[in-house]
Amino acid sequence: MRRDLLEIDTLPPAPPRRRWLEAIDVEAIRLFLTGGSVVDWYSVAFNDHADVDRYLATLLLDVDSPIDRKRLRYVFNEAVSYLEEHLHLRFPPELRAPADVRDVFLLAGERKGFRRTQVLACVILKLMHTIHHLEAADLRFRTPISEYELNRRAHARIVTSLRHLQDAGLGVTTFYGSTKSRGSVITKLLAKAENVAATLFDKLRYRIVVAEHSDLAPTLGWMTRNLFPFNYVIPRQSHNNLLGPDDLTRWLRPGNDVEEQDELPVLRVSAKNEHSGSSYRMINAIVDFPVRLPEVPGDDRNDPFGQVVFVLAEFQVVDEVTARSNEVGENAHHRYKSRQTSVVERRLRRGAAARRRSLHDEEPG
C-alpha cells in the first residue's frame, strides 16, 4: 500500500529570543486552542493599521493592490447592506462610509470611545468574515483548477512559511508536512462514523515540534500572525491538552491586557481522535487556509468573488519531550493504526455477520 507522502525539515533552529505576545495574539491563540468562532466575539485587539495589514496579508489581501482594496471595500459594503436590510441597523458616518475600511478593524477594539460604535464595528467584521468565506466557497466551485493543484499551492506556501518560523528564533526544531495516500484516506473514512469525504479535514497536515514547553505559546503566536488567518480556524475541531490559560497570559507584553472570554483554553479533548491512546498529548486545529488563484488574462471568473479560495489544513504543535512520549506504549503509531484497522474490519464484516444470523434464524427447527 502506498504510504503517506512525508516531508521533514530538521534544520538547526535559530538562536532563541523572547517573543512577547500582544493582546491580538492571545485572542487568536485562544481561538486556535478552543475551536471557537469569531462570530461569538465582542471585541478584537488590532492596535493600528500595521496590525490590520498583517492580518489581511494572511488572507492574501495586499492593501497596496488596487484590486485587493476594491475587494475589501466590496465585502465591507455587502456586509453593511445586509445589516441595514435584514437587521435594520443604522450606522454612524465613521462606520457607514469610512475613508479607509481598515479603520473599522480599529474601532472594533476601541475601549475608550462610544460603546455602541465599537459593538457595531465588531458586527460588521463578523459579516465581512462570513461573506468573504461564502464567496470564496462559490469561487472554488466555479474555478476549473483541481483540488490537487490547490493543495499543491497551499503546501508550497505553508512549507515556505514554516521555514521562516524556524528562522524566527522561537525554538522550533523540526516540522513535518504530509499528504494522505489514497489508502490512508479510505481507511480513515471507513473508520469514521460519518464516513463522507467532506468530513476528512487532514489531507494536508503539518506537525511543528518545539524544543521546550515554554516555546509553544510564542510559536502559536507567530503562526496566527503570519501563517494563516486566525478567524478561519474550523469551529469545534481543535484539540488541546498541553496549554492552559496561564501559559498564554504570562507571555503577554507588559502593559497589555485581554478581554475576558467565556471559553478559555482549558485543557480539553473535544476533538480528540478516537483511535489515539488515552495519554496522547497534542495541540491541533483545522484551518481554512487561503490560496490565491492564478491570474488568467481575459478571464473574469473571479469578479466579484475575489481571487482567493480556501483548502483545509491541519496544524499540530508539540514540544520534544511530549513528542517522544507520544511514540511509545499505547500511543505508538503502529498501535494507533491497528486500532483504526480493527474498527474498519468490524464495520465491514458487520453486515456479513448479520446475514449469517438471519439465515440461521430462517433454518427449520
Protein backbone atom coordinates (compact mmCIF):
# COMPACT_ATOMS: atom_id res chain seq x y z
CA MET A 1 0.00 0.00 0.00
CA ARG A 2 1.33 3.42 -0.92
CA ARG A 3 2.46 5.34 2.17
CA ASP A 4 1.54 8.90 3.03
CA LEU A 5 3.81 11.47 1.45
CA LEU A 6 6.00 12.87 4.24
CA GLU A 7 8.37 15.83 4.17
CA ILE A 8 10.66 16.59 7.09
CA ASP A 9 12.70 19.70 7.76
CA THR A 10 15.20 19.43 10.60
CA LEU A 11 17.42 22.44 10.03
CA PRO A 12 19.11 23.67 13.22
CA PRO A 13 16.82 26.17 14.97
CA ALA A 14 17.81 29.81 15.13
CA PRO A 15 19.15 31.12 18.45
CA PRO A 16 16.20 31.62 20.81
CA ARG A 17 14.87 35.03 21.72
CA ARG A 18 11.93 36.05 23.83
CA ARG A 19 8.79 36.73 21.83
CA TRP A 20 6.19 38.74 23.70
CA LEU A 21 2.54 38.21 22.82
CA GLU A 22 0.22 41.12 22.10
CA ALA A 23 -3.46 41.06 23.06
CA ILE A 24 -4.43 40.15 19.48
CA ASP A 25 -2.06 37.15 19.66
CA VAL A 26 -3.62 35.84 22.88
CA GLU A 27 -7.12 36.19 21.43
CA ALA A 28 -6.09 34.36 18.25
CA ILE A 29 -4.35 31.55 20.15
CA ARG A 30 -7.41 31.11 22.35
CA LEU A 31 -9.48 30.58 19.23
CA PHE A 32 -6.95 28.06 17.88
CA LEU A 33 -6.90 26.10 21.14
CA THR A 34 -10.62 26.05 21.88
CA GLY A 35 -12.07 25.69 18.38
CA GLY A 36 -14.39 28.62 18.95
CA SER A 37 -15.80 31.04 16.39
CA VAL A 38 -15.14 34.74 15.87
CA VAL A 39 -18.87 35.17 15.29
CA ASP A 40 -19.20 34.89 19.08
CA TRP A 41 -16.57 37.56 19.79
CA TYR A 42 -17.40 41.03 21.07
CA SER A 43 -14.02 42.70 20.59
CA VAL A 44 -10.78 42.33 18.63
CA ALA A 45 -7.47 43.91 19.61
CA PHE A 46 -5.99 45.49 16.47
CA ASN A 47 -3.78 48.38 17.59
CA ASP A 48 -3.02 50.15 14.31
CA HIS A 49 -3.13 49.84 10.53
CA ALA A 50 0.08 47.78 10.59
CA ASP A 51 -1.72 45.13 12.67
CA VAL A 52 -4.62 45.12 10.21
CA ASP A 53 -2.28 44.94 7.22
CA ARG A 54 -0.51 41.95 8.74
CA TYR A 55 -3.80 40.19 9.30
CA LEU A 56 -5.02 40.94 5.76
CA ALA A 57 -1.75 39.54 4.40
CA THR A 58 -2.61 36.15 5.96
CA LEU A 59 -5.78 36.33 3.85
CA LEU A 60 -3.57 37.07 0.81
CA LEU A 61 -5.01 40.58 0.56
CA ASP A 62 -2.46 43.32 -0.15
CA VAL A 63 -3.58 46.81 0.85
CA ASP A 64 -1.20 48.29 -1.73
CA SER A 65 -3.02 46.45 -4.52
CA PRO A 66 -5.93 48.37 -6.14
CA ILE A 67 -7.65 45.04 -6.86
CA ASP A 68 -7.44 43.90 -3.25
CA ARG A 69 -8.52 47.29 -1.91
CA LYS A 70 -11.54 47.09 -4.18
CA ARG A 71 -12.28 43.59 -2.90
CA LEU A 72 -12.04 44.75 0.72
CA ARG A 73 -14.39 47.66 0.08
CA TYR A 74 -16.82 45.40 -1.78
CA VAL A 75 -17.03 42.91 1.12
CA PHE A 76 -17.48 45.80 3.56
CA ASN A 77 -20.33 47.29 1.50
CA GLU A 78 -22.04 43.91 1.23
CA ALA A 79 -21.81 43.44 4.99
CA VAL A 80 -23.29 46.85 5.78
CA SER A 81 -26.05 46.41 3.18
CA TYR A 82 -27.05 43.07 4.69
CA LEU A 83 -27.16 44.52 8.20
CA GLU A 84 -29.22 47.50 7.13
CA GLU A 85 -31.65 45.47 5.04
CA HIS A 86 -32.13 42.37 7.21
CA LEU A 87 -31.43 43.58 10.75
CA HIS A 88 -32.44 47.22 10.20
CA LEU A 89 -29.28 48.52 11.86
CA ARG A 90 -28.18 52.11 11.39
CA PHE A 91 -24.55 53.10 11.44
CA PRO A 92 -22.74 56.34 12.34
CA PRO A 93 -20.82 58.02 9.47
CA GLU A 94 -17.43 56.65 10.55
CA LEU A 95 -18.81 53.13 10.08
CA ARG A 96 -21.23 53.65 7.19
CA ALA A 97 -18.69 55.34 4.90
CA PRO A 98 -15.16 55.14 6.35
CA ALA A 99 -12.37 56.68 4.26
CA ASP A 100 -10.34 53.55 5.00
CA VAL A 101 -12.02 50.20 5.70
CA ARG A 102 -9.13 49.33 7.99
CA ASP A 103 -10.47 51.91 10.46
CA VAL A 104 -13.43 49.59 11.12
CA PHE A 105 -10.98 46.97 12.43
CA LEU A 106 -9.55 49.51 14.85
CA LEU A 107 -12.96 50.70 16.02
CA ALA A 108 -13.93 47.08 16.77
CA GLY A 109 -11.34 47.03 19.55
CA GLU A 110 -11.75 50.59 20.81
CA ARG A 111 -12.43 50.69 24.56
CA LYS A 112 -12.41 54.45 25.19
CA GLY A 113 -14.98 55.67 22.67
CA PHE A 114 -18.71 55.21 22.26
CA ARG A 115 -19.54 51.60 23.15
CA ARG A 116 -22.25 51.27 20.51
CA THR A 117 -19.77 52.21 17.78
CA GLN A 118 -17.37 49.51 18.96
CA VAL A 119 -20.13 46.89 19.01
CA LEU A 120 -21.39 47.83 15.54
CA ALA A 121 -17.84 47.72 14.15
CA CYS A 122 -17.48 44.20 15.52
CA VAL A 123 -20.80 43.22 13.93
CA ILE A 124 -19.59 44.48 10.54
CA LEU A 125 -16.38 42.45 10.81
CA LYS A 126 -18.38 39.31 11.60
CA LEU A 127 -20.45 39.81 8.45
CA MET A 128 -17.33 40.52 6.39
CA HIS A 129 -15.82 37.28 7.68
CA THR A 130 -18.93 35.32 6.68
CA ILE A 131 -19.42 36.93 3.26
CA HIS A 132 -15.77 36.56 2.25
CA HIS A 133 -15.85 32.89 3.23
CA LEU A 134 -19.13 32.25 1.42
CA GLU A 135 -17.95 33.85 -1.80
CA ALA A 136 -14.60 32.05 -1.65
CA ALA A 137 -16.53 28.76 -1.50
CA ASP A 138 -18.59 29.85 -4.51
CA LEU A 139 -15.43 30.83 -6.36
CA ARG A 140 -13.82 27.46 -5.65
CA PHE A 141 -16.89 25.72 -7.08
CA ARG A 142 -16.61 27.82 -10.24
CA THR A 143 -12.87 27.52 -10.82
CA PRO A 144 -11.60 24.80 -13.18
CA ILE A 145 -8.44 24.34 -11.08
CA SER A 146 -8.20 20.88 -9.50
CA GLU A 147 -8.13 20.16 -5.78
CA TYR A 148 -4.68 18.61 -6.30
CA GLU A 149 -3.32 21.88 -7.73
CA LEU A 150 -4.90 23.97 -4.97
CA ASN A 151 -3.41 21.69 -2.31
CA ARG A 152 -0.04 21.83 -4.04
CA ARG A 153 -0.08 25.63 -3.94
CA ALA A 154 -1.15 25.65 -0.30
CA HIS A 155 1.56 23.15 0.62
CA ALA A 156 4.30 25.17 -1.06
CA ARG A 157 3.32 28.34 0.81
CA ILE A 158 2.96 26.55 4.14
CA VAL A 159 6.39 24.94 3.88
CA THR A 160 7.99 28.28 2.99
CA SER A 161 6.27 29.93 5.96
CA LEU A 162 7.32 27.17 8.35
CA ARG A 163 10.94 27.63 7.29
CA HIS A 164 10.59 31.31 8.20
CA LEU A 165 9.17 30.17 11.52
CA GLN A 166 12.29 28.09 12.11
CA ASP A 167 14.40 31.17 11.45
CA ALA A 168 12.38 33.30 13.90
CA GLY A 169 14.27 32.08 16.97
CA LEU A 170 11.22 30.62 18.74
CA GLY A 171 12.66 27.17 19.49
CA VAL A 172 11.22 25.25 16.52
CA THR A 173 13.43 22.21 15.97
CA THR A 174 11.51 20.23 13.35
CA PHE A 175 8.44 20.36 11.20
CA TYR A 176 6.79 17.60 9.23
CA GLY A 177 4.45 18.02 6.28
CA SER A 178 2.45 15.18 4.81
CA THR A 179 -0.43 14.41 2.49
CA LYS A 180 -2.55 11.31 2.94
CA SER A 181 -2.23 8.48 0.47
CA ARG A 182 -5.35 7.07 -1.19
CA GLY A 183 -5.22 4.03 1.10
CA SER A 184 -5.00 6.19 4.23
CA VAL A 185 -7.95 8.29 3.09
CA ILE A 186 -10.10 5.19 2.50
CA THR A 187 -9.15 3.69 5.88
CA LYS A 188 -9.90 6.89 7.77
CA LEU A 189 -13.26 7.36 6.05
CA LEU A 190 -14.29 3.80 6.86
CA ALA A 191 -13.22 4.25 10.49
CA LYS A 192 -15.26 7.44 10.94
CA ALA A 193 -18.91 7.24 11.91
CA GLU A 194 -19.70 9.99 9.40
CA ASN A 195 -17.76 8.47 6.51
CA VAL A 196 -18.13 11.12 3.84
CA ALA A 197 -15.23 12.81 2.12
CA ALA A 198 -16.37 16.27 3.20
CA THR A 199 -15.57 15.43 6.85
CA LEU A 200 -11.96 14.44 6.20
CA PHE A 201 -10.06 17.52 7.36
CA ASP A 202 -6.44 16.44 7.35
CA LYS A 203 -5.48 15.64 3.77
CA LEU A 204 -2.87 18.36 4.30
CA ARG A 205 -1.31 18.13 7.75
CA TYR A 206 1.71 19.67 9.44
CA ARG A 207 3.41 18.99 12.76
CA ILE A 208 5.65 21.60 14.36
CA VAL A 209 7.97 20.40 17.14
CA VAL A 210 9.47 22.94 19.57
CA ALA A 211 12.34 22.40 21.98
CA GLU A 212 10.57 23.28 25.25
CA HIS A 213 7.03 23.50 26.56
CA SER A 214 7.62 27.24 27.07
CA ASP A 215 8.14 27.62 23.30
CA LEU A 216 4.57 26.54 22.50
CA ALA A 217 2.74 29.83 23.13
CA PRO A 218 5.21 32.10 21.25
CA THR A 219 5.20 29.66 18.32
CA LEU A 220 1.41 29.68 18.14
CA GLY A 221 1.51 33.48 18.30
CA TRP A 222 3.80 33.59 15.26
CA MET A 223 1.59 31.15 13.36
CA THR A 224 -1.64 33.06 13.97
CA ARG A 225 0.04 36.31 12.93
CA ASN A 226 1.99 35.14 9.90
CA LEU A 227 0.85 31.75 8.65
CA PHE A 228 -2.96 31.65 8.46
CA PRO A 229 -5.94 33.94 9.21
CA PHE A 230 -6.89 33.07 12.78
CA ASN A 231 -10.59 33.70 12.18
CA TYR A 232 -10.79 30.77 9.76
CA VAL A 233 -9.98 28.09 12.33
CA ILE A 234 -12.73 25.46 11.91
CA PRO A 235 -15.03 25.58 14.98
CA ARG A 236 -15.17 22.51 17.25
CA GLN A 237 -12.28 20.77 15.50
CA SER A 238 -9.49 21.77 17.91
CA HIS A 239 -7.80 19.56 20.47
CA ASN A 240 -5.59 20.88 23.27
CA ASN A 241 -4.28 19.08 26.33
CA LEU A 242 -0.94 20.90 26.54
CA LEU A 243 -1.65 24.60 27.18
CA GLY A 244 -3.77 26.30 29.82
CA PRO A 245 -4.74 29.97 30.30
CA ASP A 246 -1.67 30.81 32.40
CA ASP A 247 0.61 29.58 29.62
CA LEU A 248 -0.68 32.45 27.45
CA THR A 249 -1.04 35.38 29.83
CA ARG A 250 2.49 35.08 31.22
CA TRP A 251 3.78 35.83 27.72
CA LEU A 252 1.60 38.93 27.35
CA ARG A 253 3.66 42.07 26.78
CA PRO A 254 3.68 44.29 29.90
CA GLY A 255 1.04 47.00 29.67
CA ASN A 256 -1.32 44.85 27.59
CA ASP A 257 -4.49 43.25 28.83
CA VAL A 258 -7.03 40.97 27.21
CA GLU A 259 -10.79 40.75 27.33
CA GLU A 260 -12.26 38.00 29.47
CA GLN A 261 -13.68 35.22 27.30
CA ASP A 262 -16.47 32.80 28.07
CA GLU A 263 -14.39 29.89 26.82
CA LEU A 264 -10.77 29.89 27.94
CA PRO A 265 -8.18 27.46 26.51
CA VAL A 266 -8.50 24.97 29.34
CA LEU A 267 -7.08 21.53 28.81
CA ARG A 268 -9.71 19.82 26.72
CA VAL A 269 -10.13 16.81 24.43
CA SER A 270 -13.26 17.74 22.50
CA ALA A 271 -11.82 16.89 19.09
CA LYS A 272 -9.54 14.09 20.20
CA ASN A 273 -9.01 11.33 17.66
CA GLU A 274 -10.97 8.37 18.99
CA HIS A 275 -8.21 5.93 17.94
CA SER A 276 -5.37 7.70 19.78
CA GLY A 277 -4.04 6.41 23.09
CA SER A 278 -5.59 7.81 26.27
CA SER A 279 -2.35 9.58 27.25
CA TYR A 280 -1.65 11.06 23.81
CA ARG A 281 -0.93 14.81 24.17
CA MET A 282 -1.05 17.34 21.36
CA ILE A 283 -2.30 20.73 20.22
CA ASN A 284 -4.01 20.59 16.87
CA ALA A 285 -6.59 22.53 14.90
CA ILE A 286 -8.06 22.55 11.40
CA VAL A 287 -7.75 25.76 9.40
CA ASP A 288 -9.31 27.00 6.19
CA PHE A 289 -6.07 28.01 4.50
CA PRO A 290 -6.25 30.65 1.74
CA VAL A 291 -4.89 30.00 -1.75
CA ARG A 292 -4.72 32.71 -4.40
CA LEU A 293 -5.84 31.58 -7.83
CA PRO A 294 -3.51 32.18 -10.75
CA GLU A 295 -4.48 35.12 -12.91
CA VAL A 296 -5.65 34.24 -16.42
CA PRO A 297 -5.54 37.10 -18.94
CA GLY A 298 -9.02 37.95 -20.17
CA ASP A 299 -10.72 35.65 -17.64
CA ASP A 300 -13.21 37.47 -15.43
CA ARG A 301 -14.48 34.44 -13.45
CA ASN A 302 -13.08 35.93 -10.23
CA ASP A 303 -15.29 39.02 -10.40
CA PRO A 304 -16.96 39.75 -7.96
CA PHE A 305 -15.81 36.81 -5.83
CA GLY A 306 -12.20 37.85 -5.41
CA GLN A 307 -9.17 35.73 -6.23
CA VAL A 308 -8.79 33.67 -3.05
CA VAL A 309 -10.21 30.25 -2.19
CA PHE A 310 -9.66 28.02 0.85
CA VAL A 311 -8.35 24.49 1.38
CA LEU A 312 -8.38 22.59 4.65
CA ALA A 313 -5.11 22.01 6.50
CA GLU A 314 -4.38 20.53 9.92
CA PHE A 315 -1.69 22.05 12.14
CA GLN A 316 -0.25 20.18 15.12
CA VAL A 317 2.16 21.70 17.66
CA VAL A 318 4.02 19.77 20.35
CA ASP A 319 7.21 20.01 22.41
CA GLU A 320 10.04 17.49 22.04
CA VAL A 321 9.51 15.67 25.35
CA THR A 322 5.82 15.18 24.66
CA ALA A 323 6.52 14.16 21.06
CA ARG A 324 8.80 11.38 22.26
CA SER A 325 6.29 10.12 24.82
CA ASN A 326 3.64 10.09 22.08
CA GLU A 327 5.64 7.46 20.19
CA VAL A 328 5.81 4.75 22.86
CA GLY A 329 3.39 2.38 24.55
CA GLU A 330 -0.29 2.73 23.72
CA ASN A 331 0.44 5.96 21.81
CA ALA A 332 2.81 4.35 19.28
CA HIS A 333 1.74 4.93 15.69
CA HIS A 334 1.55 1.23 14.82
CA ARG A 335 -0.89 0.70 17.71
CA TYR A 336 -2.97 3.67 16.55
CA LYS A 337 -3.14 2.17 13.05
CA SER A 338 -4.00 -1.23 14.50
CA ARG A 339 -6.93 0.21 16.49
CA GLN A 340 -8.13 2.08 13.41
CA THR A 341 -7.86 -1.01 11.19
CA SER A 342 -9.76 -3.11 13.75
CA VAL A 343 -12.66 -0.66 13.63
CA VAL A 344 -12.70 -0.81 9.82
CA GLU A 345 -12.71 -4.62 9.83
CA ARG A 346 -15.56 -4.78 12.34
CA ARG A 347 -17.66 -2.31 10.37
CA LEU A 348 -17.09 -4.06 7.05
CA ARG A 349 -17.85 -7.52 8.47
CA ARG A 350 -20.91 -6.42 10.46
CA GLY A 351 -23.25 -6.90 7.52
CA ALA A 352 -21.92 -10.39 6.81
CA ALA A 353 -22.41 -11.40 10.45
CA ALA A 354 -25.97 -10.07 10.46
CA ARG A 355 -26.67 -12.01 7.25
CA ARG A 356 -25.39 -15.24 8.81
CA ARG A 357 -27.63 -14.73 11.87
CA SER A 358 -30.60 -14.07 9.60
CA LEU A 359 -30.02 -17.27 7.61
CA HIS A 360 -29.60 -19.23 10.85
CA ASP A 361 -32.96 -17.93 12.15
CA GLU A 362 -34.66 -18.96 8.91
CA GLU A 363 -33.48 -22.59 9.16
CA PRO A 364 -36.29 -25.05 10.04
CA GLY A 365 -36.26 -26.24 13.66
